[in-house]
Amino acid sequence: MSDLTDEELERLADVVRLQPTKNSELGDRWGMDSGSDVHGYLENHLQDYYYRDDDSLIRATSEAAELTGAEPGVVDDENDPNAVPERITVPELHAQVYRVLADHDERSESVVSVLNKLREEFGVDPEAGDVRRALQSLRRKNVVEVVYRTVPTFKLAVPREDVAVAVGDEA
C-alpha cells in the first residue's frame, strides 16, 4: 500500500477523475496560484502516480486509479466536489464496510468497531489498516463522513438506501 497522506490521495483522485488535465485545471481545484505550484506538488508528492502524455497533458497511472478508487475521466459533479454519487463500484471489503457501518443518523463508530461488525456479520478478519483504507476510500466517494472524537470515527454520510453499491475491481 502507498504511504500517501489523505490530502495526497484526494488530490491524486482529482488527477484520475480529471485526466487528461492541465496544471491550471488542477490549480483551480486545489486553490494554487500558478502552474508552477501544481507542477512542484505533482513532482514532490505524486511523482510515481502521474505522467504527461504526448500533448503534455497530465494523466494518472493505473496504480493511481487503483489506490484512489476514482473513475478515470469521470467527475460526478464538477461544480460540487461534495456531491453524493447515486452508485459506486468498490471492492468486496469496501461494500461490506458500507453495509455494516453506522447509518447517517446513528452515532459514528471507530475502525475497531467496524472491524468487529465485519467479523460478526461476514465472518471475515481483515487487518485494521485495510478497514481504515476502505473507510477513507468511501469517505473520498462522499458516502462516509468522519466525526472526530478521541479517535476518528465514521458513519454513513447519507441514508444507506440512497447509494447503490456494486462490487467490482475499483478501490
N, C-alpha and C. Protein backbone atom coordinates (compact mmCIF):
# COMPACT_ATOMS: atom_id res chain seq x y z
N MET A 1 0.84 -1.19 0.00
CA MET A 1 0.00 0.00 0.00
C MET A 1 0.88 1.24 0.00
N SER A 2 0.32 2.34 -0.42
CA SER A 2 1.09 3.57 -0.52
C SER A 2 1.23 4.24 0.84
N ASP A 3 2.16 5.17 0.89
CA ASP A 3 2.37 5.96 2.10
C ASP A 3 1.82 7.37 1.90
N LEU A 4 0.87 7.53 1.01
CA LEU A 4 0.31 8.85 0.73
C LEU A 4 -0.61 9.29 1.86
N THR A 5 -0.58 10.60 2.12
CA THR A 5 -1.48 11.17 3.12
C THR A 5 -2.89 11.25 2.54
N ASP A 6 -3.87 11.54 3.39
CA ASP A 6 -5.25 11.70 2.92
C ASP A 6 -5.34 12.81 1.87
N GLU A 7 -4.65 13.94 2.12
CA GLU A 7 -4.68 15.04 1.15
C GLU A 7 -4.07 14.60 -0.18
N GLU A 8 -2.96 13.89 -0.14
CA GLU A 8 -2.33 13.42 -1.37
C GLU A 8 -3.25 12.46 -2.12
N LEU A 9 -3.92 11.57 -1.39
CA LEU A 9 -4.86 10.65 -2.03
C LEU A 9 -6.03 11.40 -2.67
N GLU A 10 -6.53 12.42 -1.99
CA GLU A 10 -7.63 13.21 -2.54
C GLU A 10 -7.20 13.93 -3.81
N ARG A 11 -6.01 14.50 -3.77
CA ARG A 11 -5.52 15.20 -4.95
C ARG A 11 -5.20 14.22 -6.08
N LEU A 12 -4.69 13.06 -5.73
CA LEU A 12 -4.43 12.04 -6.75
C LEU A 12 -5.75 11.60 -7.39
N ALA A 13 -6.80 11.48 -6.58
CA ALA A 13 -8.12 11.14 -7.12
C ALA A 13 -8.59 12.21 -8.10
N ASP A 14 -8.28 13.48 -7.81
CA ASP A 14 -8.61 14.55 -8.75
C ASP A 14 -7.90 14.35 -10.08
N VAL A 15 -6.62 13.97 -10.02
CA VAL A 15 -5.86 13.73 -11.25
C VAL A 15 -6.51 12.60 -12.04
N VAL A 16 -6.90 11.53 -11.34
CA VAL A 16 -7.53 10.39 -12.01
C VAL A 16 -8.84 10.83 -12.67
N ARG A 17 -9.70 11.53 -11.92
CA ARG A 17 -11.01 11.92 -12.44
C ARG A 17 -10.92 12.94 -13.58
N LEU A 18 -9.99 13.87 -13.45
CA LEU A 18 -9.94 14.98 -14.39
C LEU A 18 -9.09 14.69 -15.63
N GLN A 19 -8.38 13.59 -15.63
CA GLN A 19 -7.48 13.32 -16.75
C GLN A 19 -8.22 13.18 -18.07
N PRO A 20 -7.61 13.58 -19.16
CA PRO A 20 -6.36 14.33 -19.23
C PRO A 20 -6.60 15.77 -18.77
N THR A 21 -5.67 16.31 -18.04
CA THR A 21 -5.87 17.63 -17.45
C THR A 21 -4.61 18.47 -17.57
N LYS A 22 -4.72 19.70 -17.14
CA LYS A 22 -3.62 20.66 -17.21
C LYS A 22 -3.31 21.19 -15.81
N ASN A 23 -2.13 21.79 -15.68
CA ASN A 23 -1.75 22.40 -14.40
C ASN A 23 -2.80 23.41 -13.95
N SER A 24 -3.31 24.21 -14.88
CA SER A 24 -4.25 25.28 -14.50
C SER A 24 -5.54 24.70 -13.93
N GLU A 25 -6.03 23.61 -14.53
CA GLU A 25 -7.27 23.00 -14.04
C GLU A 25 -7.07 22.44 -12.63
N LEU A 26 -5.94 21.75 -12.40
CA LEU A 26 -5.66 21.23 -11.06
C LEU A 26 -5.44 22.38 -10.08
N GLY A 27 -4.76 23.43 -10.53
CA GLY A 27 -4.51 24.60 -9.68
C GLY A 27 -5.81 25.24 -9.22
N ASP A 28 -6.78 25.34 -10.12
CA ASP A 28 -8.09 25.90 -9.75
C ASP A 28 -8.76 25.03 -8.70
N ARG A 29 -8.70 23.74 -8.89
CA ARG A 29 -9.35 22.79 -7.97
C ARG A 29 -8.67 22.79 -6.61
N TRP A 30 -7.34 22.90 -6.61
CA TRP A 30 -6.56 22.81 -5.37
C TRP A 30 -6.28 24.16 -4.72
N GLY A 31 -6.74 25.23 -5.33
CA GLY A 31 -6.51 26.55 -4.75
C GLY A 31 -5.07 27.01 -4.85
N MET A 32 -4.38 26.62 -5.90
CA MET A 32 -2.99 27.02 -6.10
C MET A 32 -2.95 28.16 -7.12
N ASP A 33 -1.99 29.06 -6.91
CA ASP A 33 -1.93 30.27 -7.72
C ASP A 33 -1.28 30.10 -9.08
N SER A 34 -0.40 29.10 -9.23
CA SER A 34 0.32 29.00 -10.50
C SER A 34 0.51 27.56 -10.94
N GLY A 35 0.73 27.41 -12.23
CA GLY A 35 1.04 26.10 -12.78
C GLY A 35 2.33 25.55 -12.20
N SER A 36 3.23 26.45 -11.85
CA SER A 36 4.49 26.01 -11.23
C SER A 36 4.23 25.36 -9.87
N ASP A 37 3.28 25.91 -9.11
CA ASP A 37 2.94 25.32 -7.81
C ASP A 37 2.38 23.91 -8.00
N VAL A 38 1.52 23.75 -9.02
CA VAL A 38 0.93 22.44 -9.30
C VAL A 38 2.03 21.47 -9.72
N HIS A 39 2.87 21.92 -10.65
CA HIS A 39 3.97 21.05 -11.11
C HIS A 39 4.85 20.62 -9.94
N GLY A 40 5.18 21.57 -9.07
CA GLY A 40 6.01 21.25 -7.90
C GLY A 40 5.33 20.24 -6.99
N TYR A 41 4.02 20.41 -6.79
CA TYR A 41 3.29 19.48 -5.94
C TYR A 41 3.30 18.08 -6.55
N LEU A 42 3.00 18.02 -7.84
CA LEU A 42 2.98 16.72 -8.51
C LEU A 42 4.34 16.03 -8.40
N GLU A 43 5.40 16.76 -8.64
CA GLU A 43 6.75 16.18 -8.61
C GLU A 43 7.16 15.77 -7.19
N ASN A 44 6.78 16.57 -6.21
CA ASN A 44 7.21 16.30 -4.83
C ASN A 44 6.33 15.30 -4.09
N HIS A 45 5.07 15.16 -4.53
CA HIS A 45 4.14 14.32 -3.77
C HIS A 45 3.56 13.14 -4.55
N LEU A 46 3.41 13.31 -5.85
CA LEU A 46 2.69 12.30 -6.63
C LEU A 46 3.49 11.79 -7.82
N GLN A 47 4.79 11.96 -7.77
CA GLN A 47 5.66 11.66 -8.90
C GLN A 47 5.48 10.26 -9.48
N ASP A 48 5.25 9.26 -8.63
CA ASP A 48 5.12 7.89 -9.10
C ASP A 48 3.74 7.56 -9.67
N TYR A 49 2.82 8.50 -9.58
CA TYR A 49 1.43 8.18 -9.93
C TYR A 49 0.86 9.00 -11.10
N TYR A 50 1.70 9.78 -11.76
CA TYR A 50 1.19 10.53 -12.90
C TYR A 50 2.27 10.61 -13.97
N TYR A 51 1.84 10.96 -15.17
CA TYR A 51 2.78 11.19 -16.27
C TYR A 51 2.15 12.20 -17.22
N ARG A 52 2.94 12.68 -18.15
CA ARG A 52 2.43 13.60 -19.17
C ARG A 52 2.40 12.85 -20.50
N ASP A 53 1.27 13.00 -21.19
CA ASP A 53 1.14 12.31 -22.48
C ASP A 53 1.84 13.10 -23.58
N ASP A 54 1.67 12.67 -24.82
CA ASP A 54 2.34 13.31 -25.96
C ASP A 54 1.93 14.76 -26.15
N ASP A 55 0.77 15.14 -25.63
CA ASP A 55 0.30 16.52 -25.72
C ASP A 55 0.60 17.31 -24.46
N SER A 56 1.45 16.75 -23.59
CA SER A 56 1.83 17.36 -22.30
C SER A 56 0.67 17.48 -21.32
N LEU A 57 -0.39 16.72 -21.53
CA LEU A 57 -1.49 16.70 -20.58
C LEU A 57 -1.18 15.71 -19.46
N ILE A 58 -1.67 16.01 -18.28
CA ILE A 58 -1.41 15.20 -17.10
C ILE A 58 -2.38 14.02 -17.07
N ARG A 59 -1.81 12.84 -16.87
CA ARG A 59 -2.61 11.62 -16.77
C ARG A 59 -2.14 10.82 -15.56
N ALA A 60 -3.06 10.06 -14.99
CA ALA A 60 -2.75 9.21 -13.83
C ALA A 60 -2.34 7.83 -14.31
N THR A 61 -1.50 7.18 -13.53
CA THR A 61 -1.13 5.80 -13.82
C THR A 61 -2.28 4.89 -13.41
N SER A 62 -2.26 3.66 -13.87
CA SER A 62 -3.30 2.71 -13.47
C SER A 62 -3.23 2.45 -11.97
N GLU A 63 -2.04 2.49 -11.40
CA GLU A 63 -1.90 2.31 -9.95
C GLU A 63 -2.61 3.43 -9.19
N ALA A 64 -2.57 4.66 -9.73
CA ALA A 64 -3.26 5.78 -9.08
C ALA A 64 -4.76 5.53 -9.02
N ALA A 65 -5.32 5.01 -10.10
CA ALA A 65 -6.75 4.72 -10.12
C ALA A 65 -7.08 3.63 -9.10
N GLU A 66 -6.22 2.62 -9.00
CA GLU A 66 -6.45 1.55 -8.02
C GLU A 66 -6.38 2.08 -6.60
N LEU A 67 -5.39 2.93 -6.32
CA LEU A 67 -5.21 3.46 -4.96
C LEU A 67 -6.39 4.33 -4.52
N THR A 68 -6.91 5.12 -5.44
CA THR A 68 -7.92 6.11 -5.05
C THR A 68 -9.35 5.61 -5.21
N GLY A 69 -9.54 4.64 -6.10
CA GLY A 69 -10.91 4.20 -6.38
C GLY A 69 -11.68 5.17 -7.24
N ALA A 70 -11.01 6.20 -7.72
CA ALA A 70 -11.66 7.18 -8.59
C ALA A 70 -11.80 6.60 -9.99
N GLU A 71 -12.84 7.02 -10.68
CA GLU A 71 -13.04 6.56 -12.05
C GLU A 71 -12.34 7.52 -12.99
N PRO A 72 -11.44 6.99 -13.83
CA PRO A 72 -10.71 7.85 -14.77
C PRO A 72 -11.66 8.65 -15.66
N GLY A 73 -11.38 9.95 -15.71
CA GLY A 73 -12.14 10.80 -16.59
C GLY A 73 -13.58 11.05 -16.19
N VAL A 74 -13.99 10.67 -14.98
CA VAL A 74 -15.39 10.83 -14.58
C VAL A 74 -15.46 11.67 -13.30
N VAL A 75 -16.12 12.78 -13.40
CA VAL A 75 -16.38 13.62 -12.24
C VAL A 75 -17.89 13.69 -12.09
N ASP A 76 -18.41 13.24 -10.95
CA ASP A 76 -19.86 13.20 -10.77
C ASP A 76 -20.50 14.57 -10.97
N ASP A 77 -19.95 15.56 -10.32
CA ASP A 77 -20.50 16.91 -10.43
C ASP A 77 -19.35 17.88 -10.25
N GLU A 78 -18.83 18.38 -11.36
CA GLU A 78 -17.65 19.26 -11.29
C GLU A 78 -17.91 20.51 -10.48
N ASN A 79 -19.17 20.94 -10.41
CA ASN A 79 -19.48 22.14 -9.65
C ASN A 79 -19.59 21.87 -8.16
N ASP A 80 -19.77 20.62 -7.79
CA ASP A 80 -19.90 20.27 -6.39
C ASP A 80 -19.09 19.01 -6.10
N PRO A 81 -17.82 19.20 -5.68
CA PRO A 81 -16.99 18.03 -5.39
C PRO A 81 -17.49 17.22 -4.20
N ASN A 82 -18.47 17.75 -3.47
CA ASN A 82 -19.02 17.04 -2.32
C ASN A 82 -20.33 16.34 -2.64
N ALA A 83 -20.70 16.31 -3.92
CA ALA A 83 -21.95 15.65 -4.31
C ALA A 83 -21.87 14.16 -3.99
N VAL A 84 -22.99 13.60 -3.57
CA VAL A 84 -23.07 12.18 -3.25
C VAL A 84 -23.43 11.42 -4.53
N PRO A 85 -22.63 10.43 -4.90
CA PRO A 85 -22.95 9.66 -6.10
C PRO A 85 -24.17 8.76 -5.86
N GLU A 86 -24.89 8.44 -6.91
CA GLU A 86 -26.03 7.53 -6.79
C GLU A 86 -25.58 6.08 -6.77
N ARG A 87 -24.41 5.82 -7.37
CA ARG A 87 -23.90 4.44 -7.47
C ARG A 87 -22.38 4.46 -7.36
N ILE A 88 -21.84 3.51 -6.63
CA ILE A 88 -20.39 3.35 -6.55
C ILE A 88 -20.04 1.89 -6.80
N THR A 89 -18.86 1.67 -7.35
CA THR A 89 -18.35 0.33 -7.54
C THR A 89 -17.09 0.21 -6.71
N VAL A 90 -17.08 -0.77 -5.82
CA VAL A 90 -15.99 -0.89 -4.86
C VAL A 90 -15.61 -2.36 -4.68
N PRO A 91 -14.43 -2.62 -4.13
CA PRO A 91 -14.06 -4.00 -3.81
C PRO A 91 -15.00 -4.56 -2.73
N GLU A 92 -15.01 -5.87 -2.61
CA GLU A 92 -15.92 -6.54 -1.68
C GLU A 92 -15.80 -6.04 -0.24
N LEU A 93 -14.57 -5.87 0.26
CA LEU A 93 -14.40 -5.40 1.64
C LEU A 93 -15.06 -4.03 1.83
N HIS A 94 -14.90 -3.14 0.85
CA HIS A 94 -15.49 -1.81 0.96
C HIS A 94 -17.01 -1.91 0.99
N ALA A 95 -17.58 -2.80 0.17
CA ALA A 95 -19.03 -2.99 0.17
C ALA A 95 -19.50 -3.53 1.52
N GLN A 96 -18.73 -4.46 2.09
CA GLN A 96 -19.08 -5.00 3.41
C GLN A 96 -19.01 -3.91 4.47
N VAL A 97 -17.99 -3.07 4.41
CA VAL A 97 -17.86 -1.96 5.36
C VAL A 97 -19.08 -1.05 5.24
N TYR A 98 -19.47 -0.74 4.01
CA TYR A 98 -20.63 0.13 3.79
C TYR A 98 -21.88 -0.48 4.41
N ARG A 99 -22.02 -1.80 4.28
CA ARG A 99 -23.22 -2.48 4.80
C ARG A 99 -23.30 -2.48 6.32
N VAL A 100 -22.16 -2.54 7.02
CA VAL A 100 -22.20 -2.65 8.48
C VAL A 100 -22.01 -1.31 9.20
N LEU A 101 -21.53 -0.30 8.50
CA LEU A 101 -21.21 0.97 9.14
C LEU A 101 -22.45 1.66 9.68
N ALA A 102 -22.28 2.37 10.78
CA ALA A 102 -23.38 3.13 11.38
C ALA A 102 -24.05 4.01 10.33
N ASP A 103 -25.38 4.03 10.35
CA ASP A 103 -26.13 4.82 9.37
C ASP A 103 -25.93 6.31 9.65
N HIS A 104 -26.36 7.14 8.72
CA HIS A 104 -26.14 8.58 8.80
C HIS A 104 -26.73 9.23 10.04
N ASP A 105 -27.78 8.65 10.59
CA ASP A 105 -28.45 9.24 11.74
C ASP A 105 -28.10 8.52 13.05
N GLU A 106 -27.07 7.66 13.01
CA GLU A 106 -26.61 6.94 14.20
C GLU A 106 -25.28 7.52 14.67
N ARG A 107 -24.88 7.11 15.86
CA ARG A 107 -23.59 7.55 16.40
C ARG A 107 -22.46 6.92 15.58
N SER A 108 -21.47 7.73 15.24
CA SER A 108 -20.33 7.24 14.46
C SER A 108 -19.54 6.23 15.26
N GLU A 109 -18.75 5.42 14.56
CA GLU A 109 -18.02 4.35 15.23
C GLU A 109 -16.57 4.28 14.76
N SER A 110 -15.75 3.67 15.60
CA SER A 110 -14.32 3.55 15.33
C SER A 110 -14.02 2.45 14.32
N VAL A 111 -12.80 2.45 13.83
CA VAL A 111 -12.33 1.42 12.91
C VAL A 111 -12.47 0.04 13.57
N VAL A 112 -12.11 -0.05 14.84
CA VAL A 112 -12.18 -1.33 15.56
C VAL A 112 -13.63 -1.81 15.66
N SER A 113 -14.55 -0.90 15.91
CA SER A 113 -15.96 -1.27 15.97
C SER A 113 -16.43 -1.82 14.62
N VAL A 114 -16.03 -1.16 13.53
CA VAL A 114 -16.40 -1.64 12.19
C VAL A 114 -15.76 -3.00 11.94
N LEU A 115 -14.52 -3.17 12.34
CA LEU A 115 -13.82 -4.46 12.18
C LEU A 115 -14.57 -5.57 12.91
N ASN A 116 -15.00 -5.31 14.13
CA ASN A 116 -15.76 -6.32 14.89
C ASN A 116 -17.09 -6.65 14.22
N LYS A 117 -17.77 -5.64 13.67
CA LYS A 117 -19.02 -5.89 12.97
C LYS A 117 -18.78 -6.74 11.71
N LEU A 118 -17.67 -6.49 11.00
CA LEU A 118 -17.33 -7.29 9.82
C LEU A 118 -17.12 -8.75 10.20
N ARG A 119 -16.43 -8.97 11.30
CA ARG A 119 -16.18 -10.33 11.77
C ARG A 119 -17.50 -11.04 12.09
N GLU A 120 -18.39 -10.32 12.78
CA GLU A 120 -19.67 -10.91 13.17
C GLU A 120 -20.59 -11.14 11.98
N GLU A 121 -20.70 -10.14 11.13
CA GLU A 121 -21.67 -10.19 10.03
C GLU A 121 -21.22 -11.07 8.86
N PHE A 122 -19.94 -10.99 8.51
CA PHE A 122 -19.47 -11.66 7.30
C PHE A 122 -18.46 -12.77 7.56
N GLY A 123 -18.02 -12.92 8.81
CA GLY A 123 -17.05 -13.96 9.11
C GLY A 123 -15.69 -13.72 8.47
N VAL A 124 -15.36 -12.47 8.21
CA VAL A 124 -14.06 -12.12 7.64
C VAL A 124 -13.20 -11.49 8.73
N ASP A 125 -11.89 -11.50 8.53
CA ASP A 125 -10.98 -10.94 9.53
C ASP A 125 -9.90 -10.09 8.86
N PRO A 126 -10.30 -8.97 8.27
CA PRO A 126 -9.31 -8.11 7.61
C PRO A 126 -8.43 -7.40 8.64
N GLU A 127 -7.30 -6.89 8.17
CA GLU A 127 -6.44 -6.07 9.02
C GLU A 127 -7.15 -4.74 9.30
N ALA A 128 -6.88 -4.16 10.46
CA ALA A 128 -7.48 -2.87 10.80
C ALA A 128 -7.11 -1.81 9.76
N GLY A 129 -5.88 -1.86 9.26
CA GLY A 129 -5.44 -0.90 8.24
C GLY A 129 -6.26 -1.00 6.96
N ASP A 130 -6.67 -2.23 6.59
CA ASP A 130 -7.49 -2.42 5.40
C ASP A 130 -8.89 -1.83 5.62
N VAL A 131 -9.41 -1.97 6.84
CA VAL A 131 -10.72 -1.39 7.16
C VAL A 131 -10.63 0.13 7.13
N ARG A 132 -9.55 0.67 7.69
CA ARG A 132 -9.33 2.13 7.69
C ARG A 132 -9.25 2.64 6.25
N ARG A 133 -8.51 1.95 5.39
CA ARG A 133 -8.39 2.37 4.00
C ARG A 133 -9.74 2.29 3.28
N ALA A 134 -10.53 1.26 3.58
CA ALA A 134 -11.87 1.15 2.99
C ALA A 134 -12.74 2.33 3.42
N LEU A 135 -12.70 2.67 4.70
CA LEU A 135 -13.48 3.80 5.20
C LEU A 135 -13.04 5.10 4.54
N GLN A 136 -11.73 5.30 4.40
CA GLN A 136 -11.23 6.53 3.78
C GLN A 136 -11.60 6.58 2.30
N SER A 137 -11.55 5.44 1.63
CA SER A 137 -11.96 5.39 0.23
C SER A 137 -13.43 5.75 0.09
N LEU A 138 -14.26 5.21 0.96
CA LEU A 138 -15.69 5.54 0.94
C LEU A 138 -15.91 7.01 1.30
N ARG A 139 -15.08 7.54 2.18
CA ARG A 139 -15.16 8.97 2.52
C ARG A 139 -14.85 9.82 1.28
N ARG A 140 -13.82 9.44 0.54
CA ARG A 140 -13.47 10.19 -0.66
C ARG A 140 -14.57 10.12 -1.73
N LYS A 141 -15.41 9.11 -1.65
CA LYS A 141 -16.55 8.99 -2.57
C LYS A 141 -17.76 9.75 -2.04
N ASN A 142 -17.63 10.40 -0.89
CA ASN A 142 -18.67 11.21 -0.26
C ASN A 142 -19.85 10.41 0.26
N VAL A 143 -19.64 9.13 0.58
CA VAL A 143 -20.72 8.33 1.16
C VAL A 143 -20.49 8.02 2.63
N VAL A 144 -19.33 8.36 3.14
CA VAL A 144 -19.00 8.18 4.56
C VAL A 144 -18.44 9.50 5.07
N GLU A 145 -18.76 9.83 6.30
CA GLU A 145 -18.18 11.03 6.89
C GLU A 145 -17.38 10.65 8.13
N VAL A 146 -16.39 11.49 8.44
CA VAL A 146 -15.55 11.30 9.62
C VAL A 146 -16.05 12.23 10.71
N VAL A 147 -16.16 11.70 11.92
CA VAL A 147 -16.50 12.51 13.08
C VAL A 147 -15.32 12.37 14.03
N TYR A 148 -14.69 13.49 14.34
CA TYR A 148 -13.51 13.43 15.20
C TYR A 148 -13.92 13.52 16.66
N ARG A 149 -13.62 12.44 17.36
CA ARG A 149 -13.81 12.38 18.81
C ARG A 149 -12.42 12.08 19.38
N THR A 150 -12.30 11.22 20.36
CA THR A 150 -10.99 10.85 20.87
C THR A 150 -10.15 10.25 19.75
N VAL A 151 -10.79 9.44 18.92
CA VAL A 151 -10.17 8.90 17.70
C VAL A 151 -11.12 9.22 16.56
N PRO A 152 -10.63 9.23 15.32
CA PRO A 152 -11.56 9.44 14.21
C PRO A 152 -12.60 8.32 14.19
N THR A 153 -13.86 8.69 14.01
CA THR A 153 -14.94 7.71 13.92
C THR A 153 -15.69 7.96 12.62
N PHE A 154 -16.48 7.00 12.20
CA PHE A 154 -17.09 7.06 10.89
C PHE A 154 -18.56 6.69 10.94
N LYS A 155 -19.31 7.23 9.99
CA LYS A 155 -20.70 6.83 9.78
C LYS A 155 -21.05 7.19 8.35
N LEU A 156 -22.15 6.65 7.86
CA LEU A 156 -22.58 6.98 6.51
C LEU A 156 -22.93 8.47 6.44
N ALA A 157 -22.65 9.08 5.31
CA ALA A 157 -22.95 10.49 5.11
C ALA A 157 -24.39 10.71 4.67
N VAL A 158 -24.99 9.66 4.13
CA VAL A 158 -26.36 9.73 3.61
C VAL A 158 -27.09 8.45 4.00
N PRO A 159 -28.40 8.42 3.87
CA PRO A 159 -29.11 7.17 4.16
C PRO A 159 -28.57 6.03 3.28
N ARG A 160 -28.40 4.88 3.87
CA ARG A 160 -27.81 3.72 3.18
C ARG A 160 -28.48 3.44 1.83
N GLU A 161 -29.80 3.56 1.80
CA GLU A 161 -30.53 3.23 0.57
C GLU A 161 -30.35 4.26 -0.54
N ASP A 162 -29.74 5.40 -0.26
CA ASP A 162 -29.54 6.44 -1.28
C ASP A 162 -28.42 6.12 -2.26
N VAL A 163 -27.56 5.15 -1.93
CA VAL A 163 -26.43 4.83 -2.79
C VAL A 163 -26.43 3.34 -3.11
N ALA A 164 -26.43 3.01 -4.39
CA ALA A 164 -26.32 1.62 -4.81
C ALA A 164 -24.84 1.25 -4.80
N VAL A 165 -24.51 0.17 -4.14
CA VAL A 165 -23.13 -0.27 -4.03
C VAL A 165 -22.95 -1.56 -4.79
N ALA A 166 -22.06 -1.52 -5.78
CA ALA A 166 -21.76 -2.71 -6.58
C ALA A 166 -20.35 -3.16 -6.27
N VAL A 167 -20.13 -4.45 -6.27
CA VAL A 167 -18.78 -4.99 -6.03
C VAL A 167 -18.09 -5.09 -7.37
N GLY A 168 -16.89 -4.51 -7.43
CA GLY A 168 -16.10 -4.53 -8.65
C GLY A 168 -14.63 -4.43 -8.31
N ASP A 169 -13.82 -4.06 -9.28
CA ASP A 169 -12.37 -4.02 -9.09
C ASP A 169 -11.86 -2.70 -8.57
N GLU A 170 -12.69 -1.66 -8.52
CA GLU A 170 -12.19 -0.37 -8.10
C GLU A 170 -11.98 -0.33 -6.59
N ALA A 171 -11.02 0.51 -6.17
CA ALA A 171 -10.73 0.63 -4.73
C ALA A 171 -11.18 1.96 -4.23
